[in-house]
PDB file of N, CA and C in Angstrom:
ATOM      1  N   UNK A   1       0.766  -1.090  -0.153  1.00  0.00           N
ATOM      2  CA  UNK A   1       0.039  -0.011  -0.085  1.00  0.00           C
ATOM      3  C   UNK A   1       0.888   1.144   0.064  1.00  0.00           C
ATOM      4  N   UNK A   2       2.059   1.281   0.453  1.00  0.00           N
ATOM      5  CA  UNK A   2       3.059   2.300   0.463  1.00  0.00           C
ATOM      6  C   UNK A   2       3.249   2.810  -0.916  1.00  0.00           C
ATOM      7  N   UNK A   3       3.720   1.816  -1.682  1.00  0.00           N
ATOM      8  CA  UNK A   3       3.867   2.134  -3.067  1.00  0.00           C
ATOM      9  C   UNK A   3       2.631   2.863  -3.964  1.00  0.00           C
ATOM     10  N   UNK A   4       1.388   2.437  -3.481  1.00  0.00           N
ATOM     11  CA  UNK A   4       0.128   3.126  -3.989  1.00  0.00           C
ATOM     12  C   UNK A   4      -0.050   4.607  -3.510  1.00  0.00           C
ATOM     13  N   UNK A   5       0.208   4.525  -2.365  1.00  0.00           N
ATOM     14  CA  UNK A   5       0.317   6.165  -1.612  1.00  0.00           C
ATOM     15  C   UNK A   5       1.194   6.910  -2.316  1.00  0.00           C
ATOM     16  N   UNK A   6       2.653   6.321  -2.664  1.00  0.00           N
ATOM     17  CA  UNK A   6       3.576   7.147  -3.420  1.00  0.00           C
ATOM     18  C   UNK A   6       3.023   7.452  -4.502  1.00  0.00           C
ATOM     19  N   UNK A   7       2.492   6.656  -5.422  1.00  0.00           N
ATOM     20  CA  UNK A   7       2.002   6.812  -6.708  1.00  0.00           C
ATOM     21  C   UNK A   7       0.878   8.037  -6.604  1.00  0.00           C
ATOM     22  N   UNK A   8      -0.089   7.949  -5.650  1.00  0.00           N
ATOM     23  CA  UNK A   8      -1.142   8.939  -5.398  1.00  0.00           C
ATOM     24  C   UNK A   8      -0.462  10.392  -5.152  1.00  0.00           C
ATOM     25  N   UNK A   9       0.621  10.347  -4.183  1.00  0.00           N
ATOM     26  CA  UNK A   9       1.158  11.476  -4.045  1.00  0.00           C
ATOM     27  C   UNK A   9       1.896  12.212  -5.170  1.00  0.00           C
ATOM     28  N   UNK A  10       2.526  11.381  -5.938  1.00  0.00           N
ATOM     29  CA  UNK A  10       3.221  12.125  -7.277  1.00  0.00           C
ATOM     30  C   UNK A  10       2.227  12.461  -8.096  1.00  0.00           C
ATOM     31  N   UNK A  11       0.840  11.883  -8.136  1.00  0.00           N
ATOM     32  CA  UNK A  11      -0.150  12.408  -8.981  1.00  0.00           C
ATOM     33  C   UNK A  11      -0.537  13.795  -8.488  1.00  0.00           C
ATOM     34  N   UNK A  12      -0.693  13.902  -7.110  1.00  0.00           N
ATOM     35  CA  UNK A  12      -1.167  15.101  -6.542  1.00  0.00           C
ATOM     36  C   UNK A  12      -0.147  16.352  -6.732  1.00  0.00           C
ATOM     37  N   UNK A  13       1.357  15.912  -6.534  1.00  0.00           N
ATOM     38  CA  UNK A  13       2.331  16.905  -6.822  1.00  0.00           C
ATOM     39  C   UNK A  13       2.409  17.353  -8.163  1.00  0.00           C
ATOM     40  N   UNK A  14       2.185  16.544  -9.214  1.00  0.00           N
ATOM     41  CA  UNK A  14       2.241  16.981 -10.628  1.00  0.00           C
ATOM     42  C   UNK A  14       1.013  17.879 -10.965  1.00  0.00           C
ATOM     43  N   UNK A  15      -0.190  17.923 -10.064  1.00  0.00           N
ATOM     44  CA  UNK A  15      -1.442  18.478 -10.347  1.00  0.00           C
ATOM     45  C   UNK A  15      -1.141  20.033 -10.880  1.00  0.00           C
ATOM     46  N   UNK A  16      -0.444  21.024  -9.854  1.00  0.00           N
ATOM     47  CA  UNK A  16      -0.136  22.048 -10.320  1.00  0.00           C
ATOM     48  C   UNK A  16       0.856  22.456 -11.179  1.00  0.00           C
ATOM     49  N   UNK A  17       1.584  21.525 -11.582  1.00  0.00           N
ATOM     50  CA  UNK A  17       2.686  21.930 -12.414  1.00  0.00           C
ATOM     51  C   UNK A  17       2.171  22.495 -13.693  1.00  0.00           C
ATOM     52  N   UNK A  18       1.109  21.945 -14.296  1.00  0.00           N
ATOM     53  CA  UNK A  18       0.615  22.556 -15.698  1.00  0.00           C
ATOM     54  C   UNK A  18       0.230  24.044 -15.438  1.00  0.00           C
ATOM     55  N   UNK A  19      -0.347  24.344 -14.358  1.00  0.00           N
ATOM     56  CA  UNK A  19      -0.748  25.908 -14.434  1.00  0.00           C
ATOM     57  C   UNK A  19       0.702  26.740 -14.032  1.00  0.00           C
ATOM     58  N   UNK A  20       1.661  26.075 -13.337  1.00  0.00           N
ATOM     59  CA  UNK A  20       2.945  26.802 -13.057  1.00  0.00           C
ATOM     60  C   UNK A  20       3.771  26.909 -14.313  1.00  0.00           C
ATOM     61  N   UNK A  21       3.483  25.885 -15.143  1.00  0.00           N
ATOM     62  CA  UNK A  21       4.175  25.948 -16.479  1.00  0.00           C
ATOM     63  C   UNK A  21       3.632  27.048 -17.412  1.00  0.00           C
ATOM     64  N   UNK A  22       2.178  27.141 -17.262  1.00  0.00           N
ATOM     65  CA  UNK A  22       1.747  28.316 -18.112  1.00  0.00           C
ATOM     66  C   UNK A  22       2.048  29.503 -17.712  1.00  0.00           C
ATOM     67  N   UNK A  23       2.182  29.746 -16.333  1.00  0.00           N
ATOM     68  CA  UNK A  23       2.336  30.980 -15.892  1.00  0.00           C
ATOM     69  C   UNK A  23       3.833  31.379 -16.190  1.00  0.00           C
ATOM     70  N   UNK A  24       4.805  30.342 -16.145  1.00  0.00           N
ATOM     71  CA  UNK A  24       6.126  30.675 -16.533  1.00  0.00           C
ATOM     72  C   UNK A  24       6.227  31.197 -18.005  1.00  0.00           C
ATOM     73  N   UNK A  25       5.482  30.381 -18.758  1.00  0.00           N
ATOM     74  CA  UNK A  25       5.554  30.615 -20.310  1.00  0.00           C
ATOM     75  C   UNK A  25       4.864  32.017 -20.729  1.00  0.00           C
ATOM     76  N   UNK A  26       3.861  32.422 -20.013  1.00  0.00           N
ATOM     77  CA  UNK A  26       3.405  33.680 -19.993  1.00  0.00           C
ATOM     78  C   UNK A  26       4.494  34.861 -19.783  1.00  0.00           C
ATOM     79  N   UNK A  27       5.225  34.590 -18.874  1.00  0.00           N
ATOM     80  CA  UNK A  27       6.531  35.589 -18.705  1.00  0.00           C
ATOM     81  C   UNK A  27       7.366  35.551 -19.605  1.00  0.00           C
ATOM     82  N   UNK A  28       7.778  34.397 -20.189  1.00  0.00           N
ATOM     83  CA  UNK A  28       8.694  34.255 -21.395  1.00  0.00           C
ATOM     84  C   UNK A  28       8.199  35.002 -22.802  1.00  0.00           C
ATOM     85  N   UNK A  29       6.642  34.584 -22.721  1.00  0.00           N
ATOM     86  CA  UNK A  29       6.251  35.303 -24.088  1.00  0.00           C
ATOM     87  C   UNK A  29       6.246  36.719 -23.994  1.00  0.00           C
ATOM     88  N   UNK A  30       5.906  37.395 -22.708  1.00  0.00           N
ATOM     89  CA  UNK A  30       5.754  38.884 -22.828  1.00  0.00           C
ATOM     90  C   UNK A  30       7.228  39.409 -22.819  1.00  0.00           C
ATOM     91  N   UNK A  31       8.254  38.709 -22.379  1.00  0.00           N
ATOM     92  CA  UNK A  31       9.593  39.215 -22.642  1.00  0.00           C
ATOM     93  C   UNK A  31      10.335  38.808 -23.779  1.00  0.00           C
ATOM     94  N   UNK A  32       9.695  38.197 -24.874  1.00  0.00           N
ATOM     95  CA  UNK A  32      10.312  37.807 -26.045  1.00  0.00           C
ATOM     96  C   UNK A  32       9.177  37.956 -27.145  1.00  0.00           C
ATOM     97  N   UNK A  33       8.507  39.027 -27.016  1.00  0.00           N
ATOM     98  CA  UNK A  33       7.524  39.289 -28.171  1.00  0.00           C
ATOM     99  C   UNK A  33       8.075  39.699 -29.501  1.00  0.00           C
ATOM    100  N   UNK A  34       7.590  39.131 -30.455  1.00  0.00           N
ATOM    101  CA  UNK A  34       8.113  39.323 -31.860  1.00  0.00           C
ATOM    102  C   UNK A  34       9.371  38.410 -32.167  1.00  0.00           C
ATOM    103  N   UNK A  35       9.894  37.538 -31.356  1.00  0.00           N
ATOM    104  CA  UNK A  35      10.953  36.661 -31.808  1.00  0.00           C
ATOM    105  C   UNK A  35      10.160  35.409 -32.435  1.00  0.00           C
ATOM    106  N   UNK A  36      10.923  34.787 -33.253  1.00  0.00           N
ATOM    107  CA  UNK A  36      10.686  33.640 -33.950  1.00  0.00           C
ATOM    108  C   UNK A  36      10.520  32.495 -32.949  1.00  0.00           C
ATOM    109  N   UNK A  37      11.306  32.569 -32.103  1.00  0.00           N
ATOM    110  CA  UNK A  37      11.444  31.319 -31.194  1.00  0.00           C
ATOM    111  C   UNK A  37      10.106  31.279 -30.168  1.00  0.00           C
ATOM    112  N   UNK A  38       9.207  32.150 -30.091  1.00  0.00           N
ATOM    113  CA  UNK A  38       8.043  31.857 -29.604  1.00  0.00           C
ATOM    114  C   UNK A  38       7.173  30.658 -30.137  1.00  0.00           C
ATOM    115  N   UNK A  39       7.259  30.430 -31.502  1.00  0.00           N
ATOM    116  CA  UNK A  39       6.596  29.386 -31.861  1.00  0.00           C
ATOM    117  C   UNK A  39       7.023  27.971 -31.305  1.00  0.00           C
ATOM    118  N   UNK A  40       8.290  27.995 -31.300  1.00  0.00           N
ATOM    119  CA  UNK A  40       9.108  26.853 -30.846  1.00  0.00           C
ATOM    120  C   UNK A  40       8.948  26.681 -29.345  1.00  0.00           C
ATOM    121  N   UNK A  41       8.926  27.690 -28.657  1.00  0.00           N
ATOM    122  CA  UNK A  41       8.643  27.708 -27.100  1.00  0.00           C
ATOM    123  C   UNK A  41       7.166  27.219 -26.883  1.00  0.00           C
ATOM    124  N   UNK A  42       6.402  27.571 -27.781  1.00  0.00           N
ATOM    125  CA  UNK A  42       4.752  27.107 -27.572  1.00  0.00           C
ATOM    126  C   UNK A  42       4.840  25.627 -27.961  1.00  0.00           C
ATOM    127  N   UNK A  43       5.541  25.121 -28.707  1.00  0.00           N
ATOM    128  CA  UNK A  43       5.437  23.548 -28.853  1.00  0.00           C
ATOM    129  C   UNK A  43       6.336  22.823 -27.851  1.00  0.00           C
ATOM    130  N   UNK A  44       7.216  23.507 -27.490  1.00  0.00           N
ATOM    131  CA  UNK A  44       7.853  22.813 -26.099  1.00  0.00           C
ATOM    132  C   UNK A  44       6.897  22.685 -24.939  1.00  0.00           C
ATOM    133  N   UNK A  45       6.379  23.882 -24.705  1.00  0.00           N
ATOM    134  CA  UNK A  45       5.370  23.899 -23.630  1.00  0.00           C
ATOM    135  C   UNK A  45       4.341  22.918 -23.848  1.00  0.00           C
ATOM    136  N   UNK A  46       3.767  22.748 -25.047  1.00  0.00           N
ATOM    137  CA  UNK A  46       2.729  21.814 -25.201  1.00  0.00           C
ATOM    138  C   UNK A  46       3.090  20.251 -24.930  1.00  0.00           C
ATOM    139  N   UNK A  47       4.211  20.107 -25.586  1.00  0.00           N
ATOM    140  CA  UNK A  47       4.980  18.884 -25.318  1.00  0.00           C
ATOM    141  C   UNK A  47       5.172  18.505 -23.898  1.00  0.00           C
ATOM    142  N   UNK A  48       5.701  19.543 -23.012  1.00  0.00           N
ATOM    143  CA  UNK A  48       5.815  19.327 -21.629  1.00  0.00           C
ATOM    144  C   UNK A  48       4.228  19.082 -20.976  1.00  0.00           C
ATOM    145  N   UNK A  49       3.494  19.788 -21.245  1.00  0.00           N
ATOM    146  CA  UNK A  49       2.086  19.630 -20.885  1.00  0.00           C
ATOM    147  C   UNK A  49       1.472  18.161 -21.179  1.00  0.00           C
ATOM    148  N   UNK A  50       1.663  17.728 -22.317  1.00  0.00           N
ATOM    149  CA  UNK A  50       1.366  16.349 -22.349  1.00  0.00           C
ATOM    150  C   UNK A  50       1.970  15.236 -21.819  1.00  0.00           C
ATOM    151  N   UNK A  51       3.281  15.487 -21.588  1.00  0.00           N
ATOM    152  CA  UNK A  51       4.122  14.678 -20.591  1.00  0.00           C
ATOM    153  C   UNK A  51       3.640  14.609 -19.317  1.00  0.00           C
ATOM    154  N   UNK A  52       3.332  15.775 -18.809  1.00  0.00           N
ATOM    155  CA  UNK A  52       3.028  15.956 -17.327  1.00  0.00           C
ATOM    156  C   UNK A  52       1.601  15.259 -17.188  1.00  0.00           C
ATOM    157  N   UNK A  53       0.681  15.512 -18.173  1.00  0.00           N
ATOM    158  CA  UNK A  53      -0.526  14.881 -17.974  1.00  0.00           C
ATOM    159  C   UNK A  53      -0.492  13.272 -18.018  1.00  0.00           C
ATOM    160  N   UNK A  54       0.389  12.771 -19.035  1.00  0.00           N
ATOM    161  CA  UNK A  54       0.592  11.325 -19.042  1.00  0.00           C
ATOM    162  C   UNK A  54       1.156  10.641 -17.886  1.00  0.00           C
ATOM    163  N   UNK A  55       2.165  11.532 -17.288  1.00  0.00           N
ATOM    164  CA  UNK A  55       2.722  11.079 -15.950  1.00  0.00           C
ATOM    165  C   UNK A  55       1.493  10.807 -14.710  1.00  0.00           C
ATOM    166  N   UNK A  56       0.883  12.052 -14.928  1.00  0.00           N
ATOM    167  CA  UNK A  56      -0.494  12.112 -13.945  1.00  0.00           C
ATOM    168  C   UNK A  56      -1.341  10.812 -14.077  1.00  0.00           C
ATOM    169  N   UNK A  57      -1.622  10.478 -15.279  1.00  0.00           N
ATOM    170  CA  UNK A  57      -2.694   9.465 -15.677  1.00  0.00           C
ATOM    171  C   UNK A  57      -1.960   8.108 -15.271  1.00  0.00           C
ATOM    172  N   UNK A  58      -0.549   8.024 -15.548  1.00  0.00           N
ATOM    173  CA  UNK A  58       0.076   6.744 -15.350  1.00  0.00           C
ATOM    174  C   UNK A  58       0.230   6.555 -13.512  1.00  0.00           C
ATOM    175  N   UNK A  59       0.374   7.650 -12.963  1.00  0.00           N
ATOM    176  CA  UNK A  59       0.494   7.542 -11.508  1.00  0.00           C
ATOM    177  C   UNK A  59      -0.862   7.011 -10.954  1.00  0.00           C
ATOM    178  N   UNK A  60      -1.824   7.482 -11.472  1.00  0.00           N
ATOM    179  CA  UNK A  60      -3.273   7.261 -11.038  1.00  0.00           C
ATOM    180  C   UNK A  60      -3.554   5.948 -11.330  1.00  0.00           C
ATOM    181  N   UNK A  61      -3.293   5.404 -12.454  1.00  0.00           N
ATOM    182  CA  UNK A  61      -3.294   4.074 -12.875  1.00  0.00           C
ATOM    183  C   UNK A  61      -2.569   3.151 -12.015  1.00  0.00           C
ATOM    184  N   UNK A  62      -1.281   3.348 -11.837  1.00  0.00           N
ATOM    185  CA  UNK A  62      -0.476   2.709 -10.954  1.00  0.00           C
ATOM    186  C   UNK A  62      -0.894   2.551  -9.512  1.00  0.00           C
ATOM    187  N   UNK A  63      -1.311   3.599  -9.015  1.00  0.00           N
ATOM    188  CA  UNK A  63      -1.872   3.561  -7.657  1.00  0.00           C
ATOM    189  C   UNK A  63      -2.958   2.397  -7.612  1.00  0.00           C
ATOM    190  N   UNK A  64      -3.966   2.451  -8.537  1.00  0.00           N
ATOM    191  CA  UNK A  64      -4.995   1.502  -8.467  1.00  0.00           C
ATOM    192  C   UNK A  64      -4.589   0.129  -8.740  1.00  0.00           C
ATOM    193  N   UNK A  65      -3.616   0.006  -9.716  1.00  0.00           N
ATOM    194  CA  UNK A  65      -3.038  -1.483  -9.874  1.00  0.00           C
ATOM    195  C   UNK A  65      -2.555  -1.858  -8.677  1.00  0.00           C
ATOM    196  N   UNK A  66      -1.524  -1.177  -8.029  1.00  0.00           N
ATOM    197  CA  UNK A  66      -0.797  -1.647  -6.831  1.00  0.00           C
ATOM    198  C   UNK A  66      -1.786  -1.944  -5.666  1.00  0.00           C
ATOM    199  N   UNK A  67      -2.910  -1.338  -5.555  1.00  0.00           N
ATOM    200  CA  UNK A  67      -3.910  -1.664  -4.445  1.00  0.00           C
ATOM    201  C   UNK A  67      -4.585  -2.833  -4.888  1.00  0.00           C
ATOM    202  N   UNK A  68      -4.809  -3.100  -6.065  1.00  0.00           N
ATOM    203  CA  UNK A  68      -5.579  -4.549  -6.499  1.00  0.00           C
ATOM    204  C   UNK A  68      -4.556  -5.533  -6.170  1.00  0.00           C
ATOM    205  N   UNK A  69      -3.228  -5.440  -6.532  1.00  0.00           N
ATOM    206  CA  UNK A  69      -2.323  -6.434  -6.250  1.00  0.00           C
ATOM    207  C   UNK A  69      -2.153  -6.646  -4.733  1.00  0.00           C
ATOM    208  N   UNK A  70      -2.039  -5.592  -3.967  1.00  0.00           N
ATOM    209  CA  UNK A  70      -2.151  -5.886  -2.497  1.00  0.00           C
ATOM    210  C   UNK A  70      -3.273  -6.436  -1.928  1.00  0.00           C
ATOM    211  N   UNK A  71      -4.507  -6.197  -2.611  1.00  0.00           N
ATOM    212  CA  UNK A  71      -5.687  -7.054  -2.275  1.00  0.00           C
ATOM    213  C   UNK A  71      -5.628  -8.537  -2.673  1.00  0.00           C
ATOM    214  N   UNK A  72      -5.247  -8.604  -3.648  1.00  0.00           N
ATOM    215  CA  UNK A  72      -5.034 -10.088  -4.299  1.00  0.00           C
ATOM    216  C   UNK A  72      -4.231 -11.048  -3.481  1.00  0.00           C
ATOM    217  N   UNK A  73      -3.068 -10.251  -3.219  1.00  0.00           N
ATOM    218  CA  UNK A  73      -2.024 -10.927  -2.329  1.00  0.00           C
ATOM    219  C   UNK A  73      -2.468 -11.206  -0.891  1.00  0.00           C
ATOM    220  N   UNK A  74      -3.304 -10.327  -0.579  1.00  0.00           N
ATOM    221  CA  UNK A  74      -3.747 -10.558   1.064  1.00  0.00           C
ATOM    222  C   UNK A  74      -4.877 -11.884   0.845  1.00  0.00           C
ATOM    223  N   UNK A  75      -5.560 -11.789  -0.320  1.00  0.00           N
ATOM    224  CA  UNK A  75      -6.363 -13.037  -0.212  1.00  0.00           C
ATOM    225  C   UNK A  75      -5.749 -14.231  -0.529  1.00  0.00           C
ATOM    226  N   UNK A  76      -4.683 -14.341  -1.383  1.00  0.00           N
ATOM    227  CA  UNK A  76      -3.882 -15.401  -1.494  1.00  0.00           C
ATOM    228  C   UNK A  76      -3.169 -15.880  -0.248  1.00  0.00           C
ATOM    229  N   UNK A  77      -2.557 -15.021   0.544  1.00  0.00           N
ATOM    230  CA  UNK A  77      -2.203 -15.216   1.730  1.00  0.00           C
ATOM    231  C   UNK A  77      -3.040 -15.931   2.658  1.00  0.00           C
ATOM    232  N   UNK A  78      -4.349 -15.473   2.738  1.00  0.00           N
ATOM    233  CA  UNK A  78      -5.316 -15.990   3.630  1.00  0.00           C
ATOM    234  C   UNK A  78      -5.950 -17.342   3.111  1.00  0.00           C
ATOM    235  N   UNK A  79      -5.829 -17.600   1.811  1.00  0.00           N
ATOM    236  CA  UNK A  79      -6.186 -18.816   1.322  1.00  0.00           C
ATOM    237  C   UNK A  79      -5.192 -19.952   1.723  1.00  0.00           C
ATOM    238  N   UNK A  80      -3.774 -19.526   1.577  1.00  0.00           N
ATOM    239  CA  UNK A  80      -2.672 -20.373   1.810  1.00  0.00           C
ATOM    240  C   UNK A  80      -2.932 -20.713   3.440  1.00  0.00           C
ATOM    241  N   UNK A  81      -2.923 -19.815   4.189  1.00  0.00           N
ATOM    242  CA  UNK A  81      -3.136 -19.924   5.643  1.00  0.00           C
ATOM    243  C   UNK A  81      -4.283 -20.998   5.954  1.00  0.00           C
ATOM    244  N   UNK A  82      -5.278 -20.723   5.537  1.00  0.00           N
ATOM    245  CA  UNK A  82      -6.426 -21.605   5.675  1.00  0.00           C
ATOM    246  C   UNK A  82      -6.405 -23.083   5.331  1.00  0.00           C
ATOM    247  N   UNK A  83      -5.523 -23.117   4.129  1.00  0.00           N
ATOM    248  CA  UNK A  83      -5.302 -24.511   3.619  1.00  0.00           C
ATOM    249  C   UNK A  83      -4.370 -25.220   4.456  1.00  0.00           C
ATOM    250  N   UNK A  84      -3.488 -24.565   5.282  1.00  0.00           N
ATOM    251  CA  UNK A  84      -2.895 -25.311   6.544  1.00  0.00           C
ATOM    252  C   UNK A  84      -3.430 -25.618   7.814  1.00  0.00           C
ATOM    253  N   UNK A  85      -4.617 -24.999   7.740  1.00  0.00           N
ATOM    254  CA  UNK A  85      -5.311 -25.189   9.064  1.00  0.00           C
ATOM    255  C   UNK A  85      -5.591 -26.436   9.461  1.00  0.00           C
ATOM    256  N   UNK A  86      -6.119 -27.350   8.596  1.00  0.00           N
ATOM    257  CA  UNK A  86      -6.278 -28.798   8.794  1.00  0.00           C
ATOM    258  C   UNK A  86      -5.094 -29.668   9.292  1.00  0.00           C
ATOM    259  N   UNK A  87      -3.911 -29.303   8.732  1.00  0.00           N
ATOM    260  CA  UNK A  87      -2.724 -29.887   8.958  1.00  0.00           C
ATOM    261  C   UNK A  87      -2.273 -29.445  10.437  1.00  0.00           C
ATOM    262  N   UNK A  88      -2.471 -28.182  10.820  1.00  0.00           N
ATOM    263  CA  UNK A  88      -2.122 -27.654  12.001  1.00  0.00           C
ATOM    264  C   UNK A  88      -2.944 -28.275  13.100  1.00  0.00           C
ATOM    265  N   UNK A  89      -4.171 -28.568  12.726  1.00  0.00           N
ATOM    266  CA  UNK A  89      -5.267 -29.193  13.827  1.00  0.00           C
ATOM    267  C   UNK A  89      -4.924 -30.421  13.991  1.00  0.00           C
ATOM    268  N   UNK A  90      -4.418 -31.225  12.824  1.00  0.00           N
ATOM    269  CA  UNK A  90      -3.976 -32.875  13.120  1.00  0.00           C
ATOM    270  C   UNK A  90      -2.836 -32.832  13.863  1.00  0.00           C
ATOM    271  N   UNK A  91      -1.796 -32.018  13.595  1.00  0.00           N
ATOM    272  CA  UNK A  91      -0.709 -31.987  14.323  1.00  0.00           C
ATOM    273  C   UNK A  91      -0.627 -31.527  15.732  1.00  0.00           C
ATOM    274  N   UNK A  92      -1.736 -30.885  16.113  1.00  0.00           N
ATOM    275  CA  UNK A  92      -1.815 -30.406  17.378  1.00  0.00           C
ATOM    276  C   UNK A  92      -2.459 -31.614  18.410  1.00  0.00           C
ATOM    277  N   UNK A  93      -3.332 -32.430  17.581  1.00  0.00           N
ATOM    278  CA  UNK A  93      -3.994 -33.491  18.117  1.00  0.00           C
ATOM    279  C   UNK A  93      -3.024 -34.753  18.565  1.00  0.00           C
ATOM    280  N   UNK A  94      -1.883 -34.761  18.000  1.00  0.00           N
ATOM    281  CA  UNK A  94      -1.086 -35.983  18.348  1.00  0.00           C
ATOM    282  C   UNK A  94      -0.144 -35.817  19.319  1.00  0.00           C
TER     283      UNK A  94
END
């Protein structure tokens, strides 16, 4: 469950990054008005925004998957424990 919590935390931490990136880009645009590099800067910003959103989706998905694995492992552990209960009961009677 710790790993799932870590993935959730990373998802949360990446949340405000997009708006922070947009704010920083606005400052660059204001200072570089008229430069041809603005088009390239826009493309770079869009690329980073896609990457950030992809990372957030991956973290969200990973957290859910990790929780499912934890649940399944717990069920497996319980099934194995129960499968040994008859052996333990017989061993205690001897």
